[in-house]
Amino acid sequence: MTPINAKLLFFALADNLKKFESKYGEVKIPDPPVLLDPSKGFTG
Protein backbone atom coordinates (compact mmCIF):
# COMPACT_ATOMS: atom_id res chain seq x y z
CA MET A 1 0.00 0.00 0.00
CA THR A 2 1.37 3.37 -0.97
CA PRO A 3 1.34 6.32 1.43
CA ILE A 4 -1.43 8.02 -0.57
CA ASN A 5 -3.54 4.85 -0.46
CA ALA A 6 -2.97 4.58 3.29
CA LYS A 7 -4.05 8.18 3.78
CA LEU A 8 -7.17 7.72 1.64
CA LEU A 9 -8.05 4.58 3.60
CA PHE A 10 -7.56 6.47 6.86
CA PHE A 11 -9.90 9.25 5.72
CA ALA A 12 -12.52 6.75 4.53
CA LEU A 13 -12.42 4.85 7.84
CA ALA A 14 -12.62 8.07 9.85
CA ASP A 15 -15.61 9.25 7.82
CA ASN A 16 -17.40 5.92 8.21
CA LEU A 17 -16.72 5.89 11.96
CA LYS A 18 -18.07 9.43 12.28
CA LYS A 19 -21.27 8.42 10.46
CA PHE A 20 -21.63 5.26 12.57
CA GLU A 21 -21.16 7.14 15.84
CA SER A 22 -23.63 9.85 14.86
CA LYS A 23 -26.24 7.14 14.33
CA TYR A 24 -25.43 4.68 17.15
CA GLY A 25 -23.34 6.63 19.68
CA GLU A 26 -19.67 6.72 20.54
CA VAL A 27 -17.54 3.61 20.15
CA LYS A 28 -15.71 3.45 23.47
CA ILE A 29 -12.20 2.04 23.76
CA PRO A 30 -11.57 0.23 27.07
CA ASP A 31 -8.86 1.53 29.36
CA PRO A 32 -6.33 0.04 29.00
CA PRO A 33 -7.10 -0.87 25.39
CA VAL A 34 -7.23 -4.64 24.96
CA LEU A 35 -7.08 -5.88 21.40
CA LEU A 36 -6.31 -9.53 22.16
CA ASP A 37 -6.86 -11.62 25.27
CA PRO A 38 -3.41 -13.13 25.91
CA SER A 39 -4.94 -15.99 27.89
CA LYS A 40 -6.80 -17.18 24.78
CA GLY A 41 -4.10 -16.65 22.18
CA PHE A 42 -4.63 -17.63 18.58
CA THR A 43 -6.43 -20.80 17.59
CA GLY A 44 -6.55 -22.30 14.20
PDB file of N, CA and C in Angstrom:
ATOM      1  N   MET A   1       0.858  -1.172   0.000  1.00  0.00           N
ATOM      2  CA  MET A   1       0.000   0.000   0.000  1.00  0.00           C
ATOM      3  C   MET A   1       0.903   1.233   0.000  1.00  0.00           C
ATOM      4  N   THR A   2       0.582   2.141  -0.890  1.00  0.00           N
ATOM      5  CA  THR A   2       1.366   3.369  -0.973  1.00  0.00           C
ATOM      6  C   THR A   2       0.925   4.342   0.117  1.00  0.00           C
ATOM      7  N   PRO A   3       1.743   5.329   0.430  1.00  0.00           N
ATOM      8  CA  PRO A   3       1.343   6.321   1.430  1.00  0.00           C
ATOM      9  C   PRO A   3       0.037   7.033   1.078  1.00  0.00           C
ATOM     10  N   ILE A   4      -0.177   7.349  -0.190  1.00  0.00           N
ATOM     11  CA  ILE A   4      -1.430   8.020  -0.569  1.00  0.00           C
ATOM     12  C   ILE A   4      -2.623   7.090  -0.366  1.00  0.00           C
ATOM     13  N   ASN A   5      -2.460   5.799  -0.691  1.00  0.00           N
ATOM     14  CA  ASN A   5      -3.537   4.847  -0.457  1.00  0.00           C
ATOM     15  C   ASN A   5      -3.830   4.702   1.030  1.00  0.00           C
ATOM     16  N   ALA A   6      -2.791   4.688   1.840  1.00  0.00           N
ATOM     17  CA  ALA A   6      -2.971   4.582   3.290  1.00  0.00           C
ATOM     18  C   ALA A   6      -3.725   5.793   3.825  1.00  0.00           C
ATOM     19  N   LYS A   7      -3.377   6.957   3.326  1.00  0.00           N
ATOM     20  CA  LYS A   7      -4.050   8.180   3.781  1.00  0.00           C
ATOM     21  C   LYS A   7      -5.511   8.199   3.349  1.00  0.00           C
ATOM     22  N   LEU A   8      -5.780   7.781   2.114  1.00  0.00           N
ATOM     23  CA  LEU A   8      -7.165   7.723   1.644  1.00  0.00           C
ATOM     24  C   LEU A   8      -7.978   6.707   2.443  1.00  0.00           C
ATOM     25  N   LEU A   9      -7.382   5.576   2.759  1.00  0.00           N
ATOM     26  CA  LEU A   9      -8.054   4.579   3.595  1.00  0.00           C
ATOM     27  C   LEU A   9      -8.346   5.149   4.971  1.00  0.00           C
ATOM     28  N   PHE A  10      -7.372   5.842   5.552  1.00  0.00           N
ATOM     29  CA  PHE A  10      -7.559   6.472   6.859  1.00  0.00           C
ATOM     30  C   PHE A  10      -8.748   7.440   6.838  1.00  0.00           C
ATOM     31  N   PHE A  11      -8.804   8.288   5.814  1.00  0.00           N
ATOM     32  CA  PHE A  11      -9.903   9.252   5.719  1.00  0.00           C
ATOM     33  C   PHE A  11     -11.248   8.544   5.534  1.00  0.00           C
ATOM     34  N   ALA A  12     -11.281   7.488   4.745  1.00  0.00           N
ATOM     35  CA  ALA A  12     -12.524   6.746   4.534  1.00  0.00           C
ATOM     36  C   ALA A  12     -12.991   6.091   5.833  1.00  0.00           C
ATOM     37  N   LEU A  13     -12.061   5.478   6.570  1.00  0.00           N
ATOM     38  CA  LEU A  13     -12.422   4.845   7.839  1.00  0.00           C
ATOM     39  C   LEU A  13     -12.899   5.881   8.855  1.00  0.00           C
ATOM     40  N   ALA A  14     -12.222   7.015   8.921  1.00  0.00           N
ATOM     41  CA  ALA A  14     -12.615   8.073   9.851  1.00  0.00           C
ATOM     42  C   ALA A  14     -14.012   8.600   9.519  1.00  0.00           C
ATOM     43  N   ASP A  15     -14.291   8.768   8.238  1.00  0.00           N
ATOM     44  CA  ASP A  15     -15.609   9.247   7.815  1.00  0.00           C
ATOM     45  C   ASP A  15     -16.694   8.232   8.163  1.00  0.00           C
ATOM     46  N   ASN A  16     -16.411   6.956   7.897  1.00  0.00           N
ATOM     47  CA  ASN A  16     -17.400   5.920   8.215  1.00  0.00           C
ATOM     48  C   ASN A  16     -17.633   5.811   9.714  1.00  0.00           C
ATOM     49  N   LEU A  17     -16.568   5.943  10.506  1.00  0.00           N
ATOM     50  CA  LEU A  17     -16.719   5.888  11.965  1.00  0.00           C
ATOM     51  C   LEU A  17     -17.541   7.070  12.458  1.00  0.00           C
ATOM     52  N   LYS A  18     -17.295   8.241  11.904  1.00  0.00           N
ATOM     53  CA  LYS A  18     -18.069   9.435  12.283  1.00  0.00           C
ATOM     54  C   LYS A  18     -19.555   9.228  11.995  1.00  0.00           C
ATOM     55  N   LYS A  19     -19.872   8.685  10.816  1.00  0.00           N
ATOM     56  CA  LYS A  19     -21.271   8.425  10.457  1.00  0.00           C
ATOM     57  C   LYS A  19     -21.888   7.377  11.381  1.00  0.00           C
ATOM     58  N   PHE A  20     -21.148   6.315  11.681  1.00  0.00           N
ATOM     59  CA  PHE A  20     -21.635   5.264  12.565  1.00  0.00           C
ATOM     60  C   PHE A  20     -21.928   5.825  13.957  1.00  0.00           C
ATOM     61  N   GLU A  21     -20.982   6.604  14.490  1.00  0.00           N
ATOM     62  CA  GLU A  21     -21.158   7.142  15.836  1.00  0.00           C
ATOM     63  C   GLU A  21     -22.284   8.166  15.899  1.00  0.00           C
ATOM     64  N   SER A  22     -22.521   8.900  14.837  1.00  0.00           N
ATOM     65  CA  SER A  22     -23.630   9.854  14.856  1.00  0.00           C
ATOM     66  C   SER A  22     -24.969   9.126  14.882  1.00  0.00           C
ATOM     67  N   LYS A  23     -25.003   7.917  14.342  1.00  0.00           N
ATOM     68  CA  LYS A  23     -26.243   7.141  14.325  1.00  0.00           C
ATOM     69  C   LYS A  23     -26.419   6.285  15.577  1.00  0.00           C
ATOM     70  N   TYR A  24     -25.325   5.661  16.070  1.00  0.00           N
ATOM     71  CA  TYR A  24     -25.427   4.679  17.150  1.00  0.00           C
ATOM     72  C   TYR A  24     -24.745   5.083  18.451  1.00  0.00           C
ATOM     73  N   GLY A  25     -24.046   6.205  18.478  1.00  0.00           N
ATOM     74  CA  GLY A  25     -23.343   6.628  19.678  1.00  0.00           C
ATOM     75  C   GLY A  25     -21.858   6.293  19.595  1.00  0.00           C
ATOM     76  N   GLU A  26     -21.132   6.853  20.548  1.00  0.00           N
ATOM     77  CA  GLU A  26     -19.674   6.722  20.541  1.00  0.00           C
ATOM     78  C   GLU A  26     -19.218   5.282  20.724  1.00  0.00           C
ATOM     79  N   VAL A  27     -18.202   4.902  19.973  1.00  0.00           N
ATOM     80  CA  VAL A  27     -17.540   3.614  20.152  1.00  0.00           C
ATOM     81  C   VAL A  27     -16.466   3.849  21.203  1.00  0.00           C
ATOM     82  N   LYS A  28     -16.632   3.221  22.356  1.00  0.00           N
ATOM     83  CA  LYS A  28     -15.706   3.447  23.465  1.00  0.00           C
ATOM     84  C   LYS A  28     -14.582   2.423  23.437  1.00  0.00           C
ATOM     85  N   ILE A  29     -13.371   2.900  23.685  1.00  0.00           N
ATOM     86  CA  ILE A  29     -12.196   2.039  23.764  1.00  0.00           C
ATOM     87  C   ILE A  29     -11.927   1.787  25.238  1.00  0.00           C
ATOM     88  N   PRO A  30     -11.815   0.512  25.656  1.00  0.00           N
ATOM     89  CA  PRO A  30     -11.573   0.229  27.075  1.00  0.00           C
ATOM     90  C   PRO A  30     -10.214   0.758  27.523  1.00  0.00           C
ATOM     91  N   ASP A  31     -10.117   1.027  28.810  1.00  0.00           N
ATOM     92  CA  ASP A  31      -8.863   1.527  29.363  1.00  0.00           C
ATOM     93  C   ASP A  31      -8.327   0.520  30.358  1.00  0.00           C
ATOM     94  N   PRO A  32      -7.214  -0.112  30.143  1.00  0.00           N
ATOM     95  CA  PRO A  32      -6.331   0.043  28.996  1.00  0.00           C
ATOM     96  C   PRO A  32      -6.908  -0.681  27.780  1.00  0.00           C
ATOM     97  N   PRO A  33      -6.556  -0.215  26.587  1.00  0.00           N
ATOM     98  CA  PRO A  33      -7.097  -0.868  25.388  1.00  0.00           C
ATOM     99  C   PRO A  33      -6.613  -2.316  25.270  1.00  0.00           C
ATOM    100  N   VAL A  34      -7.556  -3.216  25.100  1.00  0.00           N
ATOM    101  CA  VAL A  34      -7.233  -4.636  24.961  1.00  0.00           C
ATOM    102  C   VAL A  34      -7.689  -5.078  23.581  1.00  0.00           C
ATOM    103  N   LEU A  35      -6.746  -5.451  22.748  1.00  0.00           N
ATOM    104  CA  LEU A  35      -7.077  -5.881  21.400  1.00  0.00           C
ATOM    105  C   LEU A  35      -7.083  -7.393  21.278  1.00  0.00           C
ATOM    106  N   LEU A  36      -6.382  -8.072  22.192  1.00  0.00           N
ATOM    107  CA  LEU A  36      -6.308  -9.526  22.158  1.00  0.00           C
ATOM    108  C   LEU A  36      -6.177 -10.020  23.583  1.00  0.00           C
ATOM    109  N   ASP A  37      -6.961 -11.025  23.941  1.00  0.00           N
ATOM    110  CA  ASP A  37      -6.864 -11.623  25.269  1.00  0.00           C
ATOM    111  C   ASP A  37      -5.692 -12.594  25.262  1.00  0.00           C
ATOM    112  N   PRO A  38      -4.595 -12.265  25.954  1.00  0.00           N
ATOM    113  CA  PRO A  38      -3.409 -13.134  25.908  1.00  0.00           C
ATOM    114  C   PRO A  38      -3.663 -14.529  26.469  1.00  0.00           C
ATOM    115  N   SER A  39      -4.667 -14.673  27.324  1.00  0.00           N
ATOM    116  CA  SER A  39      -4.941 -15.985  27.887  1.00  0.00           C
ATOM    117  C   SER A  39      -5.574 -16.924  26.867  1.00  0.00           C
ATOM    118  N   LYS A  40      -6.166 -16.363  25.813  1.00  0.00           N
ATOM    119  CA  LYS A  40      -6.801 -17.184  24.779  1.00  0.00           C
ATOM    120  C   LYS A  40      -5.864 -17.443  23.604  1.00  0.00           C
ATOM    121  N   GLY A  41      -5.037 -16.481  23.277  1.00  0.00           N
ATOM    122  CA  GLY A  41      -4.096 -16.647  22.179  1.00  0.00           C
ATOM    123  C   GLY A  41      -4.815 -16.842  20.849  1.00  0.00           C
ATOM    124  N   PHE A  42      -4.080 -17.352  19.900  1.00  0.00           N
ATOM    125  CA  PHE A  42      -4.631 -17.628  18.575  1.00  0.00           C
ATOM    126  C   PHE A  42      -4.959 -19.110  18.475  1.00  0.00           C
ATOM    127  N   THR A  43      -6.072 -19.404  17.853  1.00  0.00           N
ATOM    128  CA  THR A  43      -6.429 -20.804  17.594  1.00  0.00           C
ATOM    129  C   THR A  43      -6.608 -20.967  16.106  1.00  0.00           C
ATOM    130  N   GLY A  44      -6.365 -22.152  15.628  1.00  0.00           N
ATOM    131  CA  GLY A  44      -6.546 -22.296  14.197  1.00  0.00           C
ATOM    132  C   GLY A  44      -6.188 -23.581  13.707  1.00  0.00           C
TER     133      GLY A  44
END
